[in-house]
Amino acid sequence: MELHHRLVRQTINIAVSKAMEDMKSNTKRSLRNLIDLGLLFSQSENQKWFFNAAKKIISNPRNPYNILASRIIAEVDNDTVKKVGLNLGYSSLTYGANKLRNRQESMHCPIPWLLLFDISEASPEFFHLIGNLIHEGQELGIYSYVFCPHEANDIRAICEIAKQFEECLFIFKVPSDLISEQTAESLGKIHNAMISVQVDGADFGRESDRNAFRLLKQNRCLYGFHVSYNEDNMGNVTAPEYIRSAISLGNMFGVYIAENGVSDACRDTVYAFACRERGENGQPLIAMEWFRDMQYISEKILSGDGYMAVNLVKKVYCECIKVKDVLANSLLEILKNMQPCTSS
C-alpha cells in the first residue's frame, strides 16, 4: 500500500506540475485538465461528485476560478500551490481519509481528519511532543493540522516542524500582529503551509492587518483571512465591497467563524453567502463558513453517519489539545479522551 501511495503521489505531482506550467499561458484549459485528473484519481462517489460539480462550474465562461487561478499562479510560490493542493486533496482527503475509515472500523473509535493545536504554553519539550504526535497522526491517517500560535517564536518553531512532514498540510491561524518581516520570511520558506490572518469584523483598514498581508504577499505565501461574525456585523463582512477589499490585499480565501450564541438563522445566511461566493457567479476568493463546511467535509470523507461526523468536527475545531496535560499519552489516547463540544 505504501509503495502504491508513493507511485500515485508522484504521478499526481508530475501531472499537476505540467498543468501549472501550462496555466501560465492557458488558464482555462489547464483548470479543465486538473479537474479531469481529479476525476481519474477519484476513489469514491463523493469525490467524483465534487469534480463533476467543479467541471460544471468552470464551464461557465464567467466563473471566478479562472481569475483566481491566475492570481494564485502569479502571486504565490508555485511549489507552495502544488504542495498544499497535493497534501490537502490527495494525502489528507483521499489517501488519509481511506486510512482513517479503515482505522475507525477496526478500533470502533472516531478519528478526526484534521487536528487543531492551540499553542498556549510553548517550550522546546512542547514542540518535540508536537512532532511525535504528528508522526503518530500520519500513521493513523491525519495529514492536516491547524496551529494557533500566540508568540512570534512559535511560528518559527512550527515552520521547523513543517519541514519534517512534507506530506502534511499546516495551517497557521494567526493574529496579524505576529506577522513581521522575520516570521513572514520563515513562512515563505516552507511550501506545505497556508496562513489565515485574524481580522476584525469592520473592514480591512487596520494598519497591522494591511501590513501582515503586504509581508505575506511579498514572501509569496498562500494566505487568506478569518473573521468572527454575529447578527450585528454579518451584513458588513458578507458585503461585495468587503470581499473586493480582501482580494485587493492578496487574500485567496476567507473563513467565517460564528461567535458563541449566534442564531441558526444567522449561520444559515452566512453559509448561503459562502456557497454563492464560491459558486459560478462569485468573486475570485474561496469563502467558507467554518463549522458548516467542516461538518460537510467530515460527513463526505469519513462516513455516511451524520451524527458521527458532527461529533468529529466539533472535536476537531472546538477542542484544543493541551499537550502539557497529557505528556504520557499517545495521540490515539488523547483523541479517545477528547469530549465533544458545541459550536454555539
Protein backbone atom coordinates (compact mmCIF):
# COMPACT_ATOMS: atom_id res chain seq x y z
CA MET A 1 0.00 0.00 0.00
CA GLU A 2 2.82 2.41 0.86
CA LEU A 3 4.55 1.79 -2.49
CA HIS A 4 1.26 2.31 -4.32
CA HIS A 5 0.74 5.56 -2.37
CA ARG A 6 4.21 6.80 -3.38
CA LEU A 7 3.65 5.99 -7.03
CA VAL A 8 0.24 7.66 -7.14
CA ARG A 9 1.51 10.75 -5.32
CA GLN A 10 4.46 11.03 -7.71
CA THR A 11 2.19 10.63 -10.73
CA ILE A 12 -0.17 13.36 -9.48
CA ASN A 13 2.79 15.60 -8.67
CA ILE A 14 4.15 15.33 -12.22
CA ALA A 15 0.73 15.95 -13.78
CA VAL A 16 -0.01 18.95 -11.55
CA SER A 17 3.43 20.46 -12.28
CA LYS A 18 2.72 20.22 -16.00
CA ALA A 19 -0.76 21.72 -15.60
CA MET A 20 0.56 24.62 -13.53
CA GLU A 21 3.19 25.42 -16.14
CA ASP A 22 0.53 25.33 -18.87
CA MET A 23 -1.70 27.56 -16.74
CA LYS A 24 0.63 30.49 -17.33
CA SER A 25 -0.42 30.54 -20.97
CA ASN A 26 -3.91 28.95 -20.91
CA THR A 27 -5.63 29.02 -17.53
CA LYS A 28 -9.00 27.69 -18.70
CA ARG A 29 -7.60 24.61 -20.43
CA SER A 30 -5.26 23.81 -17.54
CA LEU A 31 -8.10 24.02 -14.99
CA ARG A 32 -10.11 21.57 -17.08
CA ASN A 33 -7.10 19.24 -17.21
CA LEU A 34 -6.66 19.40 -13.42
CA ILE A 35 -10.31 18.55 -12.85
CA ASP A 36 -10.06 15.63 -15.29
CA LEU A 37 -7.01 14.48 -13.33
CA GLY A 38 -9.04 14.65 -10.12
CA LEU A 39 -11.77 12.54 -11.69
CA LEU A 40 -9.19 9.99 -12.82
CA PHE A 41 -7.90 9.50 -9.28
CA SER A 42 -11.28 9.75 -7.53
CA GLN A 43 -11.85 6.76 -5.26
CA SER A 44 -15.38 7.41 -4.04
CA GLU A 45 -18.71 8.62 -5.33
CA ASN A 46 -18.33 11.79 -3.24
CA GLN A 47 -15.02 12.64 -4.88
CA LYS A 48 -16.46 12.01 -8.33
CA TRP A 49 -19.43 14.23 -7.45
CA PHE A 50 -17.09 17.04 -6.35
CA PHE A 51 -15.02 17.04 -9.55
CA ASN A 52 -18.09 16.76 -11.76
CA ALA A 53 -19.57 19.76 -9.92
CA ALA A 54 -16.30 21.65 -10.43
CA LYS A 55 -16.39 20.75 -14.12
CA LYS A 56 -19.86 22.23 -14.41
CA ILE A 57 -18.83 25.46 -12.65
CA ILE A 58 -15.80 26.14 -14.83
CA SER A 59 -17.85 25.51 -17.98
CA ASN A 60 -19.43 28.89 -17.25
CA PRO A 61 -17.16 31.36 -19.09
CA ARG A 62 -17.78 33.98 -16.37
CA ASN A 63 -16.86 31.72 -13.44
CA PRO A 64 -14.41 33.26 -10.91
CA TYR A 65 -11.92 30.38 -10.85
CA ASN A 66 -10.03 31.34 -14.00
CA ILE A 67 -9.20 34.68 -12.39
CA LEU A 68 -8.50 33.06 -9.01
CA ALA A 69 -6.14 30.51 -10.59
CA SER A 70 -4.34 33.28 -12.47
CA ARG A 71 -3.95 35.25 -9.24
CA ILE A 72 -2.57 32.24 -7.39
CA ILE A 73 -0.07 31.33 -10.11
CA ALA A 74 1.13 34.95 -10.37
CA GLU A 75 1.29 35.83 -6.65
CA VAL A 76 2.01 32.59 -4.72
CA ASP A 77 5.14 30.44 -4.82
CA ASN A 78 4.28 27.69 -7.29
CA ASP A 79 5.89 24.98 -5.12
CA THR A 80 3.56 26.07 -2.31
CA VAL A 81 0.49 25.92 -4.55
CA LYS A 82 1.40 22.43 -5.74
CA LYS A 83 2.31 21.01 -2.33
CA VAL A 84 -0.67 22.48 -0.47
CA GLY A 85 -3.02 21.14 -3.13
CA LEU A 86 -1.39 17.72 -3.13
CA ASN A 87 -1.28 17.45 0.66
CA LEU A 88 -4.89 18.52 1.13
CA GLY A 89 -6.52 16.95 -1.91
CA TYR A 90 -4.62 13.67 -2.03
CA SER A 91 -2.70 12.99 1.22
CA SER A 92 -5.45 14.21 3.55
CA LEU A 93 -8.84 13.91 1.85
CA THR A 94 -8.12 10.82 -0.27
CA TYR A 95 -5.27 8.61 0.97
CA GLY A 96 -5.51 9.73 4.61
CA ALA A 97 -9.30 9.51 4.67
CA ASN A 98 -9.14 5.92 3.45
CA LYS A 99 -6.69 5.05 6.24
CA LEU A 100 -8.98 6.74 8.77
CA ARG A 101 -12.02 4.80 7.63
CA ASN A 102 -10.14 1.52 7.99
CA ARG A 103 -8.86 2.51 11.44
CA GLN A 104 -12.29 3.51 12.65
CA GLU A 105 -13.81 0.24 11.52
CA SER A 106 -11.16 -1.83 13.31
CA MET A 107 -11.00 0.23 16.53
CA HIS A 108 -14.61 1.43 16.75
CA CYS A 109 -13.22 4.87 17.60
CA PRO A 110 -13.90 8.12 15.68
CA ILE A 111 -10.73 9.78 14.46
CA PRO A 112 -10.81 13.33 13.03
CA TRP A 113 -9.21 14.12 9.67
CA LEU A 114 -7.84 17.43 10.95
CA LEU A 115 -6.38 18.47 14.31
CA LEU A 116 -6.11 21.92 15.88
CA PHE A 117 -3.34 22.80 18.34
CA ASP A 118 -3.60 25.92 20.47
CA ILE A 119 -0.06 26.83 21.49
CA SER A 120 -0.71 28.41 24.88
CA GLU A 121 2.46 27.32 26.68
CA ALA A 122 5.35 26.79 24.31
CA SER A 123 8.68 25.19 25.19
CA PRO A 124 11.26 23.00 23.42
CA GLU A 125 9.62 19.95 25.02
CA PHE A 126 6.23 21.09 23.76
CA PHE A 127 7.36 21.25 20.14
CA HIS A 128 9.18 17.92 20.46
CA LEU A 129 5.91 16.36 21.60
CA ILE A 130 4.03 18.04 18.75
CA GLY A 131 6.41 16.37 16.30
CA ASN A 132 5.78 12.99 17.93
CA LEU A 133 2.01 13.48 17.79
CA ILE A 134 2.10 14.43 14.10
CA HIS A 135 4.19 11.36 13.33
CA GLU A 136 1.56 9.20 15.05
CA GLY A 137 -1.18 11.18 13.32
CA GLN A 138 0.26 10.29 9.91
CA GLU A 139 0.19 6.61 10.84
CA LEU A 140 -3.50 6.96 11.70
CA GLY A 141 -4.27 8.89 8.51
CA ILE A 142 -4.30 12.50 9.76
CA TYR A 143 -2.45 14.76 7.32
CA SER A 144 -3.95 18.21 8.07
CA TYR A 145 -3.10 20.36 11.11
CA VAL A 146 -4.16 23.82 12.28
CA PHE A 147 -1.85 25.72 14.63
CA CYS A 148 -2.83 28.78 16.67
CA PRO A 149 0.42 30.44 17.81
CA HIS A 150 0.49 33.25 20.36
CA GLU A 151 4.14 34.32 20.01
CA ALA A 152 6.34 35.06 17.01
CA ASN A 153 8.84 32.39 18.11
CA ASP A 154 6.05 29.82 17.97
CA ILE A 155 5.66 30.46 14.24
CA ARG A 156 9.32 29.81 13.55
CA ALA A 157 9.23 26.62 15.66
CA ILE A 158 6.19 25.30 13.79
CA CYS A 159 7.88 26.07 10.48
CA GLU A 160 10.76 23.81 11.52
CA ILE A 161 8.27 21.03 12.32
CA ALA A 162 6.52 21.52 8.97
CA LYS A 163 9.80 20.88 7.16
CA GLN A 164 9.91 17.40 8.73
CA PHE A 165 6.46 16.39 7.45
CA GLU A 166 6.37 17.29 3.78
CA GLU A 167 3.21 15.27 3.06
CA CYS A 168 1.18 17.11 5.72
CA LEU A 169 -0.71 20.38 5.39
CA PHE A 170 -0.02 23.02 8.06
CA ILE A 171 -2.49 25.88 8.51
CA PHE A 172 -1.35 28.84 10.61
CA LYS A 173 -4.25 30.68 12.27
CA VAL A 174 -2.60 33.89 13.48
CA PRO A 175 -3.35 37.43 14.66
CA SER A 176 -1.93 40.00 12.27
CA ASP A 177 0.49 41.49 14.78
CA LEU A 178 2.53 38.25 14.76
CA ILE A 179 3.36 38.72 11.08
CA SER A 180 6.68 40.55 10.94
CA GLU A 181 9.41 40.59 8.31
CA GLN A 182 11.08 37.68 10.11
CA THR A 183 8.01 35.49 10.57
CA ALA A 184 6.76 36.19 7.04
CA GLU A 185 10.16 35.17 5.69
CA SER A 186 10.03 31.92 7.70
CA LEU A 187 6.54 31.16 6.38
CA GLY A 188 7.62 31.89 2.82
CA LYS A 189 10.37 29.27 3.04
CA ILE A 190 8.02 26.36 3.73
CA HIS A 191 5.77 25.11 0.96
CA ASN A 192 3.24 22.92 2.78
CA ALA A 193 1.52 25.75 4.63
CA MET A 194 -1.39 28.17 4.40
CA ILE A 195 -1.78 31.25 6.59
CA SER A 196 -5.10 32.59 7.86
CA VAL A 197 -4.86 36.09 9.35
CA GLN A 198 -7.37 37.15 12.00
CA VAL A 199 -9.20 40.38 11.17
CA ASP A 200 -11.93 42.24 13.00
CA GLY A 201 -15.45 42.46 11.66
CA ALA A 202 -15.38 46.07 10.47
CA ASP A 203 -13.13 46.31 7.43
CA PHE A 204 -9.54 45.79 6.35
CA GLY A 205 -8.44 49.23 7.47
CA ARG A 206 -6.28 48.30 10.46
CA GLU A 207 -2.61 49.03 9.80
CA SER A 208 -1.48 45.72 11.37
CA ASP A 209 -3.81 43.74 9.05
CA ARG A 210 -2.68 45.54 5.91
CA ASN A 211 0.98 45.22 6.92
CA ALA A 212 0.57 41.47 7.54
CA PHE A 213 -0.99 40.95 4.11
CA ARG A 214 1.75 43.05 2.48
CA LEU A 215 4.53 40.96 4.07
CA LEU A 216 2.89 37.64 3.25
CA LYS A 217 2.37 38.70 -0.36
CA GLN A 218 5.97 39.91 -0.55
CA ASN A 219 7.11 36.41 0.51
CA ARG A 220 4.72 34.74 -1.97
CA CYS A 221 2.75 32.92 0.74
CA LEU A 222 -0.67 31.33 0.27
CA TYR A 223 -2.87 33.29 2.64
CA GLY A 224 -6.37 34.43 3.46
CA PHE A 225 -8.32 35.82 6.40
CA HIS A 226 -10.69 34.62 9.09
CA VAL A 227 -13.30 36.75 10.82
CA SER A 228 -15.76 36.17 13.65
CA TYR A 229 -19.34 37.05 12.78
CA ASN A 230 -22.61 37.74 14.56
CA GLU A 231 -26.00 39.29 13.81
CA ASP A 232 -24.58 42.82 14.10
CA ASN A 233 -21.63 42.57 11.70
CA MET A 234 -22.95 39.89 9.33
CA GLY A 235 -24.08 42.42 6.72
CA ASN A 236 -20.70 44.17 6.62
CA VAL A 237 -18.48 41.07 6.40
CA THR A 238 -20.56 39.49 3.62
CA ALA A 239 -20.89 42.65 1.52
CA PRO A 240 -19.40 42.61 -2.01
CA GLU A 241 -17.08 45.51 -1.17
CA TYR A 242 -15.71 43.59 1.82
CA ILE A 243 -14.69 40.71 -0.45
CA ARG A 244 -13.25 43.10 -3.03
CA SER A 245 -11.09 44.70 -0.31
CA ALA A 246 -9.86 41.26 0.76
CA ILE A 247 -8.95 40.38 -2.83
CA SER A 248 -7.12 43.66 -3.34
CA LEU A 249 -4.89 42.74 -0.38
CA GLY A 250 -3.97 39.38 -1.89
CA ASN A 251 -6.29 37.10 0.08
CA MET A 252 -7.14 33.83 -1.68
CA PHE A 253 -9.71 32.61 0.84
CA GLY A 254 -11.90 33.90 3.66
CA VAL A 255 -13.16 31.87 6.64
CA TYR A 256 -16.24 32.94 8.63
CA ILE A 257 -16.43 31.72 12.24
CA ALA A 258 -19.69 32.09 14.17
CA GLU A 259 -19.39 33.67 17.60
CA ASN A 260 -20.94 31.90 20.59
CA GLY A 261 -24.70 32.31 20.74
CA VAL A 262 -25.17 33.24 17.09
CA SER A 263 -28.60 32.16 15.86
CA ASP A 264 -29.16 29.37 13.36
CA ALA A 265 -30.77 31.89 11.02
CA CYS A 266 -27.57 33.97 11.02
CA ARG A 267 -25.44 30.88 10.42
CA ASP A 268 -27.73 29.83 7.57
CA THR A 269 -27.38 33.25 5.95
CA VAL A 270 -23.58 33.26 6.14
CA TYR A 271 -23.33 29.68 4.89
CA ALA A 272 -25.59 30.53 1.94
CA PHE A 273 -23.36 33.54 1.22
CA ALA A 274 -20.22 31.36 1.29
CA CYS A 275 -21.80 28.85 -1.10
CA ARG A 276 -22.80 31.63 -3.53
CA GLU A 277 -19.42 33.30 -3.28
CA ARG A 278 -17.54 30.17 -4.34
CA GLY A 279 -20.13 29.25 -6.97
CA GLU A 280 -20.38 30.06 -10.67
CA ASN A 281 -21.14 33.75 -10.17
CA GLY A 282 -18.96 34.59 -7.17
CA GLN A 283 -15.78 36.64 -6.85
CA PRO A 284 -12.25 35.13 -7.17
CA LEU A 285 -11.92 34.21 -3.50
CA ILE A 286 -12.91 30.95 -1.77
CA ALA A 287 -15.30 31.66 1.12
CA MET A 288 -16.09 29.14 3.87
CA GLU A 289 -18.39 29.01 6.88
CA TRP A 290 -16.14 27.27 9.39
CA PHE A 291 -18.44 24.85 11.20
CA ARG A 292 -20.91 24.08 8.42
CA ASP A 293 -18.25 23.41 5.79
CA MET A 294 -16.04 21.32 8.09
CA GLN A 295 -19.06 19.28 9.15
CA TYR A 296 -19.96 18.72 5.50
CA ILE A 297 -16.42 17.62 4.58
CA SER A 298 -16.27 15.21 7.54
CA GLU A 299 -19.57 13.64 6.53
CA LYS A 300 -18.41 13.21 2.95
CA ILE A 301 -14.96 11.74 3.50
CA LEU A 302 -15.29 9.70 6.70
CA SER A 303 -18.70 8.01 6.80
CA GLY A 304 -22.36 8.30 5.96
CA ASP A 305 -23.19 8.63 9.65
CA GLY A 306 -24.11 12.30 10.02
CA TYR A 307 -24.17 12.18 13.81
CA MET A 308 -20.66 10.79 13.98
CA ALA A 309 -19.42 13.39 11.51
CA VAL A 310 -20.92 16.16 13.65
CA ASN A 311 -19.11 14.84 16.70
CA LEU A 312 -15.89 14.63 14.74
CA VAL A 313 -15.94 18.17 13.52
CA LYS A 314 -16.84 19.52 16.94
CA LYS A 315 -13.93 17.66 18.45
CA VAL A 316 -11.58 18.88 15.76
CA TYR A 317 -12.50 22.55 15.83
CA CYS A 318 -13.58 23.22 19.40
CA GLU A 319 -11.34 21.00 21.49
CA CYS A 320 -7.72 22.11 21.51
CA ILE A 321 -5.09 19.57 22.60
CA LYS A 322 -3.34 20.72 25.77
CA VAL A 323 -0.07 18.83 25.47
CA LYS A 324 1.22 19.72 28.92
CA ASP A 325 -1.73 17.88 30.50
CA VAL A 326 -1.25 14.66 28.55
CA LEU A 327 2.51 14.21 28.32
CA ALA A 328 2.34 10.47 28.95
CA ASN A 329 -0.43 9.79 26.42
CA SER A 330 -0.29 8.80 22.77
CA LEU A 331 -2.29 10.74 20.20
CA LEU A 332 -4.83 7.93 19.99
CA GLU A 333 -5.35 8.03 23.77
CA ILE A 334 -5.77 11.81 23.60
CA LEU A 335 -8.40 11.52 20.89
CA LYS A 336 -10.30 8.84 22.80
CA ASN A 337 -10.49 11.13 25.84
CA MET A 338 -11.49 14.29 24.00
CA GLN A 339 -15.05 15.38 24.75
CA PRO A 340 -17.33 16.80 22.08
CA CYS A 341 -18.28 20.45 22.43
CA THR A 342 -20.82 22.62 20.66
CA SER A 343 -20.24 25.29 18.06
CA SER A 344 -22.92 27.50 19.56
